[in-house]
Amino acid sequence: MSGIRIPRRGLAALGLGLAGLSQRAMAQPADWPTKPVHLIVAFAPGGATDVLARLLAERLQAVLGQPVVVENRAGAAGIIGTEAAARAAPDGYTLLQGTISTHAMNVPLYGAKLSYDPVRDFAPIARTSTGYNLLVVHPGVPARSVGELIALAKAKPGSLAYGSGGNGTSTHLAAEMFKTMAGVDLLHVPFRSTAPAATALTAGEIQVMFDTSVSSLPLVREGRLRALAVTAPKRMASQPDLPTVAETLPGFEMGTWNGLYAPAGTPAAILERVDAAARAALQDPGLVARYAALGTDVFYANGRDFDAFLKAEIDRWTRVVRDARITMD
């Protein structure tokens, strides 16, 4: 503590000052990290969030000089794992791969029942990626376009089942938006993550899914699924022949994103260290190429910009959920 000057303002002030300095000294070790860092993924292994997190963790580990261990805590649309991250010690050794579902969509969907506050309980570190979903069907479904799928659904209301990565996820809300805008009735079958939902789709147990490109593109390329459209505002450069949903339903768009968070109260010095590591990792050509192959773009934004973006996303999805009358019933 040498070199720190403490003003003489009475014993009470002295005690508070020493306590504060002591806490900061313990919270900001100069040699952080000295042990493995855990990166919580609030979804099951093999899903989009998990795959992207593991690719990023490899690069973060190389920069930080300590293992970055991905820890899957799936369930309840990402609420279980996200709550665990919010309640973790703010020492930099627990991070979270946050998503559009965990930090934006869950707010209007669960309201006061949500066990964490995505703004109050977390310190945003960096946004890391952006992407879109694909509207995919089992090859046995007799529809080769969005228009044909809508016609089929209207001819047989409730006969087509769509899968999702869980209630409140982007794969759920995309389908609910589609139902509302197309005026069709589809049966919702939620799973713990996109990976088991995609497995059920390839097996023919469900017929339709607005899957993440990370999960579905490899299956489309293998011929195990048929892609009808992408939820982006314009066609993908890597899939120029794949139309957008908006070409049939004007105004339809569903983007996804991921980013790094730490529990609120994590020292600024540690947040800056992780941000620098993330920025370096996202500039790695190998990572950029791997993300691109999965239909996802690297998208870096620092903590301040990420925080502003999140607040805008919460406002946007609150309006979408309200206007579309989407509920968790």
C-alpha atoms as a PDB file:
ATOM      1  CA  MET A   1       0.000   0.000   0.000  1.00  0.00           C
ATOM      2  CA  SER A   2       3.068   2.277   0.002  1.00  0.00           C
ATOM      3  CA  GLY A   3       2.797   5.403  -2.109  1.00  0.00           C
ATOM      4  CA  ILE A   4      -0.936   5.858  -1.380  1.00  0.00           C
ATOM      5  CA  ARG A   5      -1.742   9.040   0.510  1.00  0.00           C
ATOM      6  CA  ILE A   6      -4.809   8.948   2.776  1.00  0.00           C
ATOM      7  CA  PRO A   7      -6.278  12.336   3.808  1.00  0.00           C
ATOM      8  CA  ARG A   8      -6.931  12.954   7.505  1.00  0.00           C
ATOM      9  CA  ARG A   9     -10.715  13.195   7.660  1.00  0.00           C
ATOM     10  CA  GLY A  10     -11.488  11.391  10.884  1.00  0.00           C
ATOM     11  CA  LEU A  11     -11.500   7.768  11.925  1.00  0.00           C
ATOM     12  CA  ALA A  12     -14.723   6.925  10.067  1.00  0.00           C
ATOM     13  CA  ALA A  13     -13.433   8.244   6.783  1.00  0.00           C
ATOM     14  CA  LEU A  14     -10.090   6.537   7.397  1.00  0.00           C
ATOM     15  CA  GLY A  15     -11.787   3.208   8.007  1.00  0.00           C
ATOM     16  CA  LEU A  16     -13.915   3.496   4.877  1.00  0.00           C
ATOM     17  CA  GLY A  17     -10.937   4.535   2.811  1.00  0.00           C
ATOM     18  CA  LEU A  18      -8.812   1.632   3.983  1.00  0.00           C
ATOM     19  CA  ALA A  19     -11.675  -0.811   3.381  1.00  0.00           C
ATOM     20  CA  GLY A  20     -12.182   0.486  -0.133  1.00  0.00           C
ATOM     21  CA  LEU A  21      -8.494   0.340  -0.934  1.00  0.00           C
ATOM     22  CA  SER A  22      -8.277  -3.156   0.478  1.00  0.00           C
ATOM     23  CA  GLN A  23     -11.191  -4.339  -1.676  1.00  0.00           C
ATOM     24  CA  ARG A  24      -9.684  -2.817  -4.799  1.00  0.00           C
ATOM     25  CA  ALA A  25      -6.328  -4.364  -4.056  1.00  0.00           C
ATOM     26  CA  MET A  26      -7.890  -7.808  -3.702  1.00  0.00           C
ATOM     27  CA  ALA A  27     -10.118  -7.371  -6.769  1.00  0.00           C
ATOM     28  CA  GLN A  28      -7.402  -6.176  -9.149  1.00  0.00           C
ATOM     29  CA  PRO A  29      -4.404  -8.512  -8.925  1.00  0.00           C
ATOM     30  CA  ALA A  30      -1.670  -7.256 -11.197  1.00  0.00           C
ATOM     31  CA  ASP A  31      -0.963 -10.735 -12.534  1.00  0.00           C
ATOM     32  CA  TRP A  32      -4.539 -11.674 -13.535  1.00  0.00           C
ATOM     33  CA  PRO A  33      -5.259 -14.304 -14.729  1.00  0.00           C
ATOM     34  CA  THR A  34      -3.369 -16.827 -12.604  1.00  0.00           C
ATOM     35  CA  LYS A  35      -5.782 -19.744 -13.134  1.00  0.00           C
ATOM     36  CA  PRO A  36      -8.299 -20.991 -15.716  1.00  0.00           C
ATOM     37  CA  VAL A  37     -11.080 -18.627 -16.807  1.00  0.00           C
ATOM     38  CA  HIS A  38     -14.552 -20.138 -17.167  1.00  0.00           C
ATOM     39  CA  LEU A  39     -16.730 -19.033 -20.070  1.00  0.00           C
ATOM     40  CA  ILE A  40     -20.350 -19.956 -19.401  1.00  0.00           C
ATOM     41  CA  VAL A  41     -22.532 -20.892 -22.362  1.00  0.00           C
ATOM     42  CA  ALA A  42     -26.190 -20.959 -21.344  1.00  0.00           C
ATOM     43  CA  PHE A  43     -27.078 -23.537 -23.990  1.00  0.00           C
ATOM     44  CA  ALA A  44     -26.263 -27.177 -24.712  1.00  0.00           C
ATOM     45  CA  PRO A  45     -23.062 -28.378 -26.409  1.00  0.00           C
ATOM     46  CA  GLY A  46     -23.139 -28.371 -30.188  1.00  0.00           C
ATOM     47  CA  GLY A  47     -25.515 -25.429 -30.552  1.00  0.00           C
ATOM     48  CA  ALA A  48     -24.639 -22.166 -32.257  1.00  0.00           C
ATOM     49  CA  THR A  49     -23.698 -20.274 -29.087  1.00  0.00           C
ATOM     50  CA  ASP A  50     -21.526 -23.159 -27.934  1.00  0.00           C
ATOM     51  CA  VAL A  51     -19.707 -23.586 -31.243  1.00  0.00           C
ATOM     52  CA  LEU A  52     -18.919 -19.880 -31.564  1.00  0.00           C
ATOM     53  CA  ALA A  53     -17.848 -19.665 -27.914  1.00  0.00           C
ATOM     54  CA  ARG A  54     -15.414 -22.566 -28.254  1.00  0.00           C
ATOM     55  CA  LEU A  55     -13.797 -21.073 -31.338  1.00  0.00           C
ATOM     56  CA  LEU A  56     -13.395 -17.768 -29.508  1.00  0.00           C
ATOM     57  CA  ALA A  57     -12.160 -19.432 -26.309  1.00  0.00           C
ATOM     58  CA  GLU A  58      -9.256 -21.028 -28.194  1.00  0.00           C
ATOM     59  CA  ARG A  59      -8.014 -17.602 -29.265  1.00  0.00           C
ATOM     60  CA  LEU A  60      -8.665 -15.952 -25.895  1.00  0.00           C
ATOM     61  CA  GLN A  61      -6.645 -18.683 -24.216  1.00  0.00           C
ATOM     62  CA  ALA A  62      -3.681 -18.004 -26.478  1.00  0.00           C
ATOM     63  CA  VAL A  63      -3.783 -14.282 -25.664  1.00  0.00           C
ATOM     64  CA  LEU A  64      -4.448 -14.542 -21.916  1.00  0.00           C
ATOM     65  CA  GLY A  65      -1.957 -17.359 -21.282  1.00  0.00           C
ATOM     66  CA  GLN A  66      -4.437 -19.375 -19.189  1.00  0.00           C
ATOM     67  CA  PRO A  67      -7.010 -22.015 -20.161  1.00  0.00           C
ATOM     68  CA  VAL A  68     -10.430 -20.610 -21.100  1.00  0.00           C
ATOM     69  CA  VAL A  69     -12.847 -23.407 -20.237  1.00  0.00           C
ATOM     70  CA  VAL A  70     -16.284 -23.416 -21.845  1.00  0.00           C
ATOM     71  CA  GLU A  71     -18.901 -24.465 -19.303  1.00  0.00           C
ATOM     72  CA  ASN A  72     -22.361 -25.397 -20.610  1.00  0.00           C
ATOM     73  CA  ARG A  73     -25.262 -24.624 -18.273  1.00  0.00           C
ATOM     74  CA  ALA A  74     -28.313 -25.139 -20.431  1.00  0.00           C
ATOM     75  CA  GLY A  75     -32.004 -24.766 -19.709  1.00  0.00           C
ATOM     76  CA  ALA A  76     -34.931 -22.342 -19.595  1.00  0.00           C
ATOM     77  CA  ALA A  77     -34.021 -20.345 -22.722  1.00  0.00           C
ATOM     78  CA  GLY A  78     -30.568 -19.625 -21.328  1.00  0.00           C
ATOM     79  CA  ILE A  79     -31.867 -18.310 -18.022  1.00  0.00           C
ATOM     80  CA  ILE A  80     -30.162 -20.960 -15.859  1.00  0.00           C
ATOM     81  CA  GLY A  81     -26.666 -20.331 -17.179  1.00  0.00           C
ATOM     82  CA  THR A  82     -27.080 -16.576 -17.422  1.00  0.00           C
ATOM     83  CA  GLU A  83     -28.276 -16.344 -13.827  1.00  0.00           C
ATOM     84  CA  ALA A  84     -25.289 -18.437 -12.719  1.00  0.00           C
ATOM     85  CA  ALA A  85     -22.956 -15.986 -14.449  1.00  0.00           C
ATOM     86  CA  ALA A  86     -24.717 -13.012 -12.873  1.00  0.00           C
ATOM     87  CA  ARG A  87     -24.277 -14.491  -9.395  1.00  0.00           C
ATOM     88  CA  ALA A  88     -20.619 -15.498  -9.885  1.00  0.00           C
ATOM     89  CA  ALA A  89     -17.782 -13.725  -8.077  1.00  0.00           C
ATOM     90  CA  PRO A  90     -16.799 -10.543  -9.975  1.00  0.00           C
ATOM     91  CA  ASP A  91     -13.141 -11.509 -10.145  1.00  0.00           C
ATOM     92  CA  GLY A  92     -12.740 -12.076 -13.880  1.00  0.00           C
ATOM     93  CA  TYR A  93     -12.638 -15.853 -13.645  1.00  0.00           C
ATOM     94  CA  THR A  94     -16.257 -16.265 -14.789  1.00  0.00           C
ATOM     95  CA  LEU A  95     -17.390 -14.793 -18.102  1.00  0.00           C
ATOM     96  CA  LEU A  96     -20.550 -15.309 -20.140  1.00  0.00           C
ATOM     97  CA  GLN A  97     -21.217 -15.727 -23.843  1.00  0.00           C
ATOM     98  CA  GLY A  98     -24.341 -13.564 -23.912  1.00  0.00           C
ATOM     99  CA  THR A  99     -26.844 -13.722 -26.770  1.00  0.00           C
ATOM    100  CA  ILE A 100     -29.791 -11.870 -28.235  1.00  0.00           C
ATOM    101  CA  SER A 101     -32.001 -14.359 -26.379  1.00  0.00           C
ATOM    102  CA  THR A 102     -30.422 -14.151 -22.918  1.00  0.00           C
ATOM    103  CA  HIS A 103     -29.977 -10.388 -22.860  1.00  0.00           C
ATOM    104  CA  ALA A 104     -32.679  -8.869 -25.074  1.00  0.00           C
ATOM    105  CA  MET A 105     -35.584 -11.187 -25.900  1.00  0.00           C
ATOM    106  CA  ASN A 106     -35.978 -12.645 -22.424  1.00  0.00           C
ATOM    107  CA  VAL A 107     -36.691  -9.214 -20.949  1.00  0.00           C
ATOM    108  CA  PRO A 108     -40.128  -8.657 -22.537  1.00  0.00           C
ATOM    109  CA  LEU A 109     -40.948 -12.370 -22.635  1.00  0.00           C
ATOM    110  CA  TYR A 110     -40.419 -13.064 -18.930  1.00  0.00           C
ATOM    111  CA  GLY A 111     -40.792  -9.581 -17.435  1.00  0.00           C
ATOM    112  CA  ALA A 112     -40.687  -9.547 -13.645  1.00  0.00           C
ATOM    113  CA  LYS A 113     -40.192 -13.330 -13.602  1.00  0.00           C
ATOM    114  CA  LEU A 114     -36.711 -13.008 -15.132  1.00  0.00           C
ATOM    115  CA  SER A 115     -34.200 -13.871 -12.401  1.00  0.00           C
ATOM    116  CA  TYR A 116     -31.522 -11.441 -13.592  1.00  0.00           C
ATOM    117  CA  ASP A 117     -31.318  -7.961 -15.063  1.00  0.00           C
ATOM    118  CA  PRO A 118     -29.188  -8.005 -18.250  1.00  0.00           C
ATOM    119  CA  VAL A 119     -28.132  -4.378 -17.764  1.00  0.00           C
ATOM    120  CA  ARG A 120     -27.774  -4.089 -13.981  1.00  0.00           C
ATOM    121  CA  ASP A 121     -26.255  -7.513 -13.279  1.00  0.00           C
ATOM    122  CA  PHE A 122     -23.600  -7.568 -16.015  1.00  0.00           C
ATOM    123  CA  ALA A 123     -20.600  -5.611 -17.206  1.00  0.00           C
ATOM    124  CA  PRO A 124     -20.485  -5.648 -21.033  1.00  0.00           C
ATOM    125  CA  ILE A 125     -17.019  -6.424 -22.365  1.00  0.00           C
ATOM    126  CA  ALA A 126     -17.300  -6.764 -26.142  1.00  0.00           C
ATOM    127  CA  ARG A 127     -19.738  -7.714 -28.837  1.00  0.00           C
ATOM    128  CA  THR A 128     -18.192 -10.517 -30.891  1.00  0.00           C
ATOM    129  CA  SER A 129     -20.443 -11.631 -33.755  1.00  0.00           C
ATOM    130  CA  THR A 130     -23.585 -11.098 -35.787  1.00  0.00           C
ATOM    131  CA  GLY A 131     -25.583 -13.504 -37.901  1.00  0.00           C
ATOM    132  CA  TYR A 132     -28.995 -14.622 -39.129  1.00  0.00           C
ATOM    133  CA  ASN A 133     -31.265 -17.649 -39.062  1.00  0.00           C
ATOM    134  CA  LEU A 134     -32.226 -19.933 -41.926  1.00  0.00           C
ATOM    135  CA  LEU A 135     -35.750 -21.163 -42.573  1.00  0.00           C
ATOM    136  CA  VAL A 136     -35.134 -24.876 -43.074  1.00  0.00           C
ATOM    137  CA  VAL A 137     -37.410 -27.876 -43.531  1.00  0.00           C
ATOM    138  CA  HIS A 138     -37.036 -31.637 -43.532  1.00  0.00           C
ATOM    139  CA  PRO A 139     -36.436 -32.870 -47.118  1.00  0.00           C
ATOM    140  CA  GLY A 140     -39.734 -34.755 -46.928  1.00  0.00           C
ATOM    141  CA  VAL A 141     -41.743 -31.543 -46.602  1.00  0.00           C
ATOM    142  CA  PRO A 142     -43.331 -30.771 -50.010  1.00  0.00           C
ATOM    143  CA  ALA A 143     -42.372 -27.108 -50.030  1.00  0.00           C
ATOM    144  CA  ARG A 144     -39.460 -25.586 -51.902  1.00  0.00           C
ATOM    145  CA  SER A 145     -40.146 -21.929 -51.217  1.00  0.00           C
ATOM    146  CA  VAL A 146     -41.521 -19.695 -48.494  1.00  0.00           C
ATOM    147  CA  GLY A 147     -44.722 -19.239 -50.479  1.00  0.00           C
ATOM    148  CA  GLU A 148     -45.211 -22.977 -50.834  1.00  0.00           C
ATOM    149  CA  LEU A 149     -44.595 -23.489 -47.101  1.00  0.00           C
ATOM    150  CA  ILE A 150     -47.220 -20.868 -46.253  1.00  0.00           C
ATOM    151  CA  ALA A 151     -49.710 -22.502 -48.620  1.00  0.00           C
ATOM    152  CA  LEU A 152     -49.030 -25.916 -47.084  1.00  0.00           C
ATOM    153  CA  ALA A 153     -49.448 -24.580 -43.547  1.00  0.00           C
ATOM    154  CA  LYS A 154     -52.736 -22.881 -44.459  1.00  0.00           C
ATOM    155  CA  ALA A 155     -54.034 -26.055 -46.101  1.00  0.00           C
ATOM    156  CA  LYS A 156     -53.239 -28.102 -42.981  1.00  0.00           C
ATOM    157  CA  PRO A 157     -53.438 -25.811 -39.927  1.00  0.00           C
ATOM    158  CA  GLY A 158     -51.469 -27.094 -36.950  1.00  0.00           C
ATOM    159  CA  SER A 159     -50.111 -30.119 -38.811  1.00  0.00           C
ATOM    160  CA  LEU A 160     -46.580 -28.769 -39.222  1.00  0.00           C
ATOM    161  CA  ALA A 161     -44.368 -28.682 -36.114  1.00  0.00           C
ATOM    162  CA  TYR A 162     -41.464 -26.285 -35.763  1.00  0.00           C
ATOM    163  CA  GLY A 163     -38.564 -26.755 -33.388  1.00  0.00           C
ATOM    164  CA  SER A 164     -36.614 -24.152 -31.444  1.00  0.00           C
ATOM    165  CA  GLY A 165     -33.655 -23.897 -29.112  1.00  0.00           C
ATOM    166  CA  GLY A 166     -36.076 -23.128 -26.289  1.00  0.00           C
ATOM    167  CA  ASN A 167     -38.841 -20.717 -25.340  1.00  0.00           C
ATOM    168  CA  GLY A 168     -37.687 -17.144 -25.800  1.00  0.00           C
ATOM    169  CA  THR A 169     -34.776 -17.895 -28.125  1.00  0.00           C
ATOM    170  CA  SER A 170     -34.315 -16.310 -31.538  1.00  0.00           C
ATOM    171  CA  THR A 171     -35.332 -19.600 -33.140  1.00  0.00           C
ATOM    172  CA  HIS A 172     -38.628 -19.385 -31.243  1.00  0.00           C
ATOM    173  CA  LEU A 173     -39.409 -15.721 -31.859  1.00  0.00           C
ATOM    174  CA  ALA A 174     -38.511 -15.935 -35.553  1.00  0.00           C
ATOM    175  CA  ALA A 175     -41.134 -18.653 -36.025  1.00  0.00           C
ATOM    176  CA  GLU A 176     -43.718 -16.741 -33.998  1.00  0.00           C
ATOM    177  CA  MET A 177     -43.118 -13.650 -36.116  1.00  0.00           C
ATOM    178  CA  PHE A 178     -43.498 -15.811 -39.215  1.00  0.00           C
ATOM    179  CA  LYS A 179     -46.791 -17.246 -37.947  1.00  0.00           C
ATOM    180  CA  THR A 180     -48.133 -13.753 -37.274  1.00  0.00           C
ATOM    181  CA  MET A 181     -47.010 -12.200 -40.545  1.00  0.00           C
ATOM    182  CA  ALA A 182     -47.971 -15.194 -42.723  1.00  0.00           C
ATOM    183  CA  GLY A 183     -51.221 -15.912 -40.883  1.00  0.00           C
ATOM    184  CA  VAL A 184     -50.450 -19.599 -40.353  1.00  0.00           C
ATOM    185  CA  ASP A 185     -50.727 -22.064 -37.480  1.00  0.00           C
ATOM    186  CA  LEU A 186     -47.595 -24.062 -36.597  1.00  0.00           C
ATOM    187  CA  LEU A 187     -47.051 -26.285 -33.559  1.00  0.00           C
ATOM    188  CA  HIS A 188     -44.104 -25.249 -31.353  1.00  0.00           C
ATOM    189  CA  VAL A 189     -41.764 -27.957 -29.997  1.00  0.00           C
ATOM    190  CA  PRO A 190     -39.039 -26.390 -27.788  1.00  0.00           C
ATOM    191  CA  PHE A 191     -35.685 -28.087 -27.130  1.00  0.00           C
ATOM    192  CA  ARG A 192     -32.810 -27.308 -24.745  1.00  0.00           C
ATOM    193  CA  SER A 193     -30.666 -25.948 -27.586  1.00  0.00           C
ATOM    194  CA  THR A 194     -30.556 -25.685 -31.358  1.00  0.00           C
ATOM    195  CA  ALA A 195     -28.394 -28.808 -31.701  1.00  0.00           C
ATOM    196  CA  PRO A 196     -31.010 -31.344 -30.462  1.00  0.00           C
ATOM    197  CA  ALA A 197     -33.727 -29.430 -32.337  1.00  0.00           C
ATOM    198  CA  ALA A 198     -31.759 -29.744 -35.575  1.00  0.00           C
ATOM    199  CA  THR A 199     -31.236 -33.444 -34.879  1.00  0.00           C
ATOM    200  CA  ALA A 200     -34.995 -33.899 -34.474  1.00  0.00           C
ATOM    201  CA  LEU A 201     -35.560 -32.008 -37.722  1.00  0.00           C
ATOM    202  CA  THR A 202     -33.171 -34.198 -39.709  1.00  0.00           C
ATOM    203  CA  ALA A 203     -34.937 -37.251 -38.245  1.00  0.00           C
ATOM    204  CA  GLY A 204     -38.312 -35.969 -39.389  1.00  0.00           C
ATOM    205  CA  GLU A 205     -39.673 -35.676 -35.852  1.00  0.00           C
ATOM    206  CA  ILE A 206     -40.460 -32.020 -36.597  1.00  0.00           C
ATOM    207  CA  GLN A 207     -40.858 -30.424 -40.007  1.00  0.00           C
ATOM    208  CA  VAL A 208     -39.747 -26.792 -39.829  1.00  0.00           C
ATOM    209  CA  MET A 209     -37.193 -24.638 -38.021  1.00  0.00           C
ATOM    210  CA  PHE A 210     -35.789 -21.129 -38.100  1.00  0.00           C
ATOM    211  CA  ASP A 211     -32.382 -22.498 -37.194  1.00  0.00           C
ATOM    212  CA  THR A 212     -29.161 -20.598 -36.687  1.00  0.00           C
ATOM    213  CA  SER A 213     -26.894 -20.711 -39.707  1.00  0.00           C
ATOM    214  CA  VAL A 214     -24.185 -22.208 -37.473  1.00  0.00           C
ATOM    215  CA  SER A 215     -26.298 -25.312 -36.838  1.00  0.00           C
ATOM    216  CA  SER A 216     -28.109 -25.622 -40.141  1.00  0.00           C
ATOM    217  CA  LEU A 217     -25.676 -24.687 -42.919  1.00  0.00           C
ATOM    218  CA  PRO A 218     -23.583 -27.877 -42.567  1.00  0.00           C
ATOM    219  CA  LEU A 219     -26.773 -29.984 -42.653  1.00  0.00           C
ATOM    220  CA  VAL A 220     -28.046 -28.125 -45.718  1.00  0.00           C
ATOM    221  CA  ARG A 221     -24.751 -28.712 -47.494  1.00  0.00           C
ATOM    222  CA  GLU A 222     -24.989 -32.424 -46.655  1.00  0.00           C
ATOM    223  CA  GLY A 223     -28.517 -32.575 -48.096  1.00  0.00           C
ATOM    224  CA  ARG A 224     -30.047 -33.512 -44.750  1.00  0.00           C
ATOM    225  CA  LEU A 225     -32.099 -30.305 -44.613  1.00  0.00           C
ATOM    226  CA  ARG A 226     -33.576 -28.012 -47.258  1.00  0.00           C
ATOM    227  CA  ALA A 227     -33.081 -24.274 -46.865  1.00  0.00           C
ATOM    228  CA  LEU A 228     -35.961 -22.104 -48.054  1.00  0.00           C
ATOM    229  CA  ALA A 229     -34.784 -18.645 -47.013  1.00  0.00           C
ATOM    230  CA  VAL A 230     -32.574 -16.540 -44.765  1.00  0.00           C
ATOM    231  CA  THR A 231     -33.894 -14.046 -42.195  1.00  0.00           C
ATOM    232  CA  ALA A 232     -31.410 -11.337 -43.256  1.00  0.00           C
ATOM    233  CA  PRO A 233     -32.538  -8.096 -44.933  1.00  0.00           C
ATOM    234  CA  LYS A 234     -30.613  -9.102 -48.062  1.00  0.00           C
ATOM    235  CA  ARG A 235     -29.281 -12.313 -49.565  1.00  0.00           C
ATOM    236  CA  MET A 236     -26.113 -13.833 -48.128  1.00  0.00           C
ATOM    237  CA  ALA A 237     -22.951 -13.384 -50.193  1.00  0.00           C
ATOM    238  CA  SER A 238     -22.072 -17.033 -49.551  1.00  0.00           C
ATOM    239  CA  GLN A 239     -25.578 -18.224 -50.548  1.00  0.00           C
ATOM    240  CA  PRO A 240     -26.688 -15.852 -53.344  1.00  0.00           C
ATOM    241  CA  ASP A 241     -29.382 -18.217 -54.624  1.00  0.00           C
ATOM    242  CA  LEU A 242     -31.090 -18.430 -51.237  1.00  0.00           C
ATOM    243  CA  PRO A 243     -33.878 -15.837 -51.039  1.00  0.00           C
ATOM    244  CA  THR A 244     -34.754 -13.822 -47.956  1.00  0.00           C
ATOM    245  CA  VAL A 245     -37.991 -14.380 -46.057  1.00  0.00           C
ATOM    246  CA  ALA A 246     -38.665 -10.678 -46.664  1.00  0.00           C
ATOM    247  CA  GLU A 247     -38.956 -11.308 -50.405  1.00  0.00           C
ATOM    248  CA  THR A 248     -42.218 -13.090 -49.576  1.00  0.00           C
ATOM    249  CA  LEU A 249     -43.114 -11.342 -46.302  1.00  0.00           C
ATOM    250  CA  PRO A 250     -41.884  -7.724 -46.614  1.00  0.00           C
ATOM    251  CA  GLY A 251     -40.336  -6.396 -43.413  1.00  0.00           C
ATOM    252  CA  PHE A 252     -39.434  -9.787 -41.967  1.00  0.00           C
ATOM    253  CA  GLU A 253     -35.957  -9.785 -40.405  1.00  0.00           C
ATOM    254  CA  MET A 254     -34.319 -11.688 -37.562  1.00  0.00           C
ATOM    255  CA  GLY A 255     -30.699 -11.037 -36.676  1.00  0.00           C
ATOM    256  CA  THR A 256     -28.670 -12.772 -33.982  1.00  0.00           C
ATOM    257  CA  TRP A 257     -25.617 -11.691 -32.019  1.00  0.00           C
ATOM    258  CA  ASN A 258     -23.193 -12.817 -29.338  1.00  0.00           C
ATOM    259  CA  GLY A 259     -20.950 -10.981 -26.905  1.00  0.00           C
ATOM    260  CA  LEU A 260     -18.823 -11.305 -23.806  1.00  0.00           C
ATOM    261  CA  TYR A 261     -20.079 -10.280 -20.375  1.00  0.00           C
ATOM    262  CA  ALA A 262     -18.719 -10.415 -16.829  1.00  0.00           C
ATOM    263  CA  PRO A 263     -20.632 -10.159 -13.559  1.00  0.00           C
ATOM    264  CA  ALA A 264     -21.332  -6.567 -12.509  1.00  0.00           C
ATOM    265  CA  GLY A 265     -18.611  -5.247 -10.231  1.00  0.00           C
ATOM    266  CA  THR A 266     -15.750  -6.913 -12.073  1.00  0.00           C
ATOM    267  CA  PRO A 267     -12.770  -4.502 -11.877  1.00  0.00           C
ATOM    268  CA  ALA A 268     -12.298  -2.233 -14.868  1.00  0.00           C
ATOM    269  CA  ALA A 269      -8.684  -3.347 -15.293  1.00  0.00           C
ATOM    270  CA  ILE A 270      -9.814  -6.937 -15.827  1.00  0.00           C
ATOM    271  CA  LEU A 271     -12.602  -5.926 -18.206  1.00  0.00           C
ATOM    272  CA  GLU A 272     -10.062  -3.975 -20.244  1.00  0.00           C
ATOM    273  CA  ARG A 273      -7.740  -6.981 -20.329  1.00  0.00           C
ATOM    274  CA  VAL A 274     -10.493  -9.285 -21.610  1.00  0.00           C
ATOM    275  CA  ASP A 275     -11.640  -6.656 -24.115  1.00  0.00           C
ATOM    276  CA  ALA A 276      -8.102  -6.376 -25.502  1.00  0.00           C
ATOM    277  CA  ALA A 277      -7.868 -10.172 -25.737  1.00  0.00           C
ATOM    278  CA  ALA A 278     -11.229 -10.373 -27.522  1.00  0.00           C
ATOM    279  CA  ARG A 279     -10.249  -7.631 -29.956  1.00  0.00           C
ATOM    280  CA  ALA A 280      -7.037  -9.475 -30.793  1.00  0.00           C
ATOM    281  CA  ALA A 281      -8.858 -12.808 -31.114  1.00  0.00           C
ATOM    282  CA  LEU A 282     -11.454 -11.389 -33.492  1.00  0.00           C
ATOM    283  CA  GLN A 283      -8.719 -10.111 -35.790  1.00  0.00           C
ATOM    284  CA  ASP A 284      -7.362 -13.624 -36.265  1.00  0.00           C
ATOM    285  CA  PRO A 285      -7.887 -14.577 -39.953  1.00  0.00           C
ATOM    286  CA  GLY A 286      -8.490 -18.181 -38.974  1.00  0.00           C
ATOM    287  CA  LEU A 287     -11.310 -17.247 -36.616  1.00  0.00           C
ATOM    288  CA  VAL A 288     -12.859 -14.904 -39.174  1.00  0.00           C
ATOM    289  CA  ALA A 289     -12.822 -17.710 -41.753  1.00  0.00           C
ATOM    290  CA  ARG A 290     -14.307 -20.269 -39.356  1.00  0.00           C
ATOM    291  CA  TYR A 291     -17.118 -17.899 -38.388  1.00  0.00           C
ATOM    292  CA  ALA A 292     -17.803 -17.070 -42.052  1.00  0.00           C
ATOM    293  CA  ALA A 293     -18.044 -20.764 -42.943  1.00  0.00           C
ATOM    294  CA  LEU A 294     -20.801 -21.009 -40.340  1.00  0.00           C
ATOM    295  CA  GLY A 295     -22.719 -18.092 -41.813  1.00  0.00           C
ATOM    296  CA  THR A 296     -21.679 -15.740 -39.012  1.00  0.00           C
ATOM    297  CA  ASP A 297     -19.702 -12.508 -39.234  1.00  0.00           C
ATOM    298  CA  VAL A 298     -17.146 -11.311 -36.713  1.00  0.00           C
ATOM    299  CA  PHE A 299     -18.454  -8.052 -35.254  1.00  0.00           C
ATOM    300  CA  TYR A 300     -16.409  -6.276 -32.608  1.00  0.00           C
ATOM    301  CA  ALA A 301     -17.756  -3.465 -30.442  1.00  0.00           C
ATOM    302  CA  ASN A 302     -16.260  -2.275 -27.161  1.00  0.00           C
ATOM    303  CA  GLY A 303     -18.099  -2.409 -23.853  1.00  0.00           C
ATOM    304  CA  ARG A 304     -19.564   1.098 -24.040  1.00  0.00           C
ATOM    305  CA  ASP A 305     -20.924   0.632 -27.565  1.00  0.00           C
ATOM    306  CA  PHE A 306     -22.116  -2.875 -26.712  1.00  0.00           C
ATOM    307  CA  ASP A 307     -24.042  -1.532 -23.730  1.00  0.00           C
ATOM    308  CA  ALA A 308     -25.786   1.111 -25.863  1.00  0.00           C
ATOM    309  CA  PHE A 309     -26.578  -1.523 -28.488  1.00  0.00           C
ATOM    310  CA  LEU A 310     -28.068  -3.851 -25.867  1.00  0.00           C
ATOM    311  CA  LYS A 311     -30.389  -1.167 -24.492  1.00  0.00           C
ATOM    312  CA  ALA A 312     -31.607  -0.437 -28.015  1.00  0.00           C
ATOM    313  CA  GLU A 313     -32.155  -4.170 -28.607  1.00  0.00           C
ATOM    314  CA  ILE A 314     -34.216  -4.502 -25.417  1.00  0.00           C
ATOM    315  CA  ASP A 315     -36.407  -1.604 -26.546  1.00  0.00           C
ATOM    316  CA  ARG A 316     -36.774  -3.083 -30.037  1.00  0.00           C
ATOM    317  CA  TRP A 317     -37.743  -6.560 -28.871  1.00  0.00           C
ATOM    318  CA  THR A 318     -40.107  -5.185 -26.272  1.00  0.00           C
ATOM    319  CA  ARG A 319     -42.001  -3.547 -29.137  1.00  0.00           C
ATOM    320  CA  VAL A 320     -41.854  -6.684 -31.311  1.00  0.00           C
ATOM    321  CA  VAL A 321     -43.140  -8.957 -28.548  1.00  0.00           C
ATOM    322  CA  ARG A 322     -45.913  -6.503 -27.660  1.00  0.00           C
ATOM    323  CA  ASP A 323     -47.026  -5.848 -31.237  1.00  0.00           C
ATOM    324  CA  ALA A 324     -46.934  -9.535 -32.212  1.00  0.00           C
ATOM    325  CA  ARG A 325     -48.648 -10.494 -28.938  1.00  0.00           C
ATOM    326  CA  ILE A 326     -46.054 -13.188 -28.333  1.00  0.00           C
ATOM    327  CA  THR A 327     -46.415 -14.895 -24.959  1.00  0.00           C
ATOM    328  CA  MET A 328     -44.699 -17.758 -23.159  1.00  0.00           C
ATOM    329  CA  ASP A 329     -47.974 -19.668 -22.734  1.00  0.00           C
END
